[in-house]
Amino acid sequence: MRPLLTAALCAVGCPAALAAPITVMHQHTVYEVAADGTSTTEVDTATRIDDPQVVSSVGQTQVQYSDSLQTLEILEAYTVTKDGQRIDVPADKIITQQLPASSGAPTFSDNKVKNVVFPQVEVGATLNLRYRLRQVKPYLPGVFSAFTAFNPFVDIQAGDIVLRAPEKLKLYVSSRTVQGGEVKSSVPGRREWRWTYGDAKAISPEPGSVMVETISPYVEISTLEAYPRLAEAYMIGAAPAAKVTPAVQKLAEEITAGITDRRAQAEALYRWVSLQIRYVALAMGTGGYVPHQADDIIAARYGDCKDKTTLLAALLHARGIRAMPVLANTGAAFSLPDTAILGAFNHAITYLPDWDLYVDSTPGMAPFGVLSSSLMGKPVLLAGDEAMKPALRTIPASSATRDRLVLRTAGTIAADGSITGTNSIEALGTGDLAIRSSFGSIPEALRPTLAKSLLPGSGEATLKLGDARDLTKPFSFVFEFKALQRVNIPGPGALTGPYGMSLSLGARSFATSALQVERKLDFPCPDGVGVEEIFDLTLPAEMKITNLPRAADLASPYGHFADSYEVKDGHLLMDRRLELTPPHAVCTAADGVELRKFATAINQQLRAQILYQ
């Protein structure tokens, strides 16, 4: 259970010399757990507004629940004004709604939210909320799991967590930076734990740091001894859902008709699920942990990540191909909680043991075997099958040799200073998925507007994109442009990029990102990628290049950068290569210092001028 009012705490940005935008006056959480995994959770919070910038973001609070698995009661909701007046939230300002993410698939989700709209929210006011959440049916059979954290980016005066459970119920508990543990229970046959936290001053948040949960004081609770037990519990519902039915068998045979190679069959089935089953954004935990039946997914033609994974497994099994679900986390967390909690994972993908291959049918634009960068280098939980026990694995990190972008620019500088040419992008691996996802869904009608916005200054531009839904070949990207008054002719002058589109890629993008924040918190290291930028500019006869920058060859523990410049047969040729090879997945403040040194050296080289007359 995450503390209330934390989602928007620093959404507006906190100042560097931190004055916390809110103060948590108290945050109390009580868990009452039953032997069968059902439970009652009561949460009581009081939050004072200290900064006018957060008034709008925290003045309305959402409490989410599953209509079929839980009941939710708002016990108290009121504002205490800065002069001490209590104003209760009217009943008509506690509004129950369908979870917005599930609006596109109402038959697949019973998740709802209660919106609590507080009155007279202003600096100095305190928002009070107390509610009771009953888990009338566990997310997974017999499993209780909970996570409560204290937000490190706000001031917290007092917090406590209480856990009560039957003596015979085995619980696994871990905590960080909180005081307490098991205490003597006053109720026969029951055990009790108490933790306290408070008088804590906020630390300053940093853009792009690791997930807040990985640095927060917390308590984790689970009935699961280890992560393989979580996989077994998940498969109680997932295995029957992936049963090969007549409808599944028929569909699998239709999709693979005429294909005899088993890997080609697997790829055809993967492409069908990726492209024909619409993804509905219900994350693990939000949409529950039990997927829908494969037949129902086929009929509906939509589902969330675990539904798409389930259907793909069923289709593969129908063709005699081994496949199993994999539970993963797409957030900025590169280690699992010490205790096997359900919240450790928010995504499901598929593992094909025959080829030691991970595939993700959720994005809909990922070529076979290509994963998004948010999954690379992450610990995952393989659910196992008849021949393989459940196990923790780590997805290989992204690689500068496998995950690459090549940006080619070919242009002609005219005597009037305009430049006419093309930018094209060739991408492999995560780069292909990133470009495909960013540009592939742009409607034809919007492409002229986008092309114009990508061209700095005045001129004309056209954007030509390949078919993002054709997963059998790399995605094509061509930007045709004519940039007016781009070069000062007659000179003297200096050539400065970008030439054509202003899309930030490669060395410039890395340097800008690395120099943006001086790190104190841990953060994900840059993805291991390779980017090459190749420029070929045809020069007008009257332009004479008088100075070229020296070639660079910069080595760092985090990668390598090189560039070169040449004038040959009336052409200005430039080549830039950046390969990022971070030694680990999570970087510390010390790594941040070294990355800034590398980025500073690259940035200095990028500012070098090509002089002409």
Foldseek 3Di string as FASTA:
>chain_A
DEDWPPPCQQVVHADQVGDGQKEWAEWEWEWEAEQFQKIKIKIKTKMAGAHQVCQVVRQKTKDKDAPVFKDKDWPFKWKQALVGDTDGQDPVQFDKDADVLCPVPVVLGRMIITMHHYPPRDHNMMIITMMMMIGNADLFGSKHKDKYWDQQAHAYAKYKYKYKYFPPQDKDKDWPPWDWFWDDDPDPRMTMIMTMDHPHHHDHDDPFAADRSVVTTMMIMMSDPDQLVVLVRLCVQLVQLLAQDPVLLVVLCVQCPPPDDLVVSLQSLLLCLLAQQAARPQWDVRSGRHEHHLVVSVVVSYYHQSNSQSVSQSSSVSVVFHKFKKFFALGRDADADPDNGSVRGTHIWMAGVVVRATAGSRVSLAAGRADAQSQAQHWMWTSDDPVGRIDIDTHHAFAAVAWEKEWEWEWEQDQQRKIWTKIKMFTGGNRQVVVLSVPQVDDPVCQQVVLCVQFPADWGKGWDWDHSSPSPDGIIIMMTIIHGNQGDPPDFDWDADDDGGPDDDDLRVLLCVLQVDQDAHKRFDDGFHKYKYKYKYQYDPNKDWDDDDDWDWDDALFWIKTKDWDQDPRITIIMIMIGTDHPHGMDHSVVSVRSNVRSVVSVVSNPDITTID
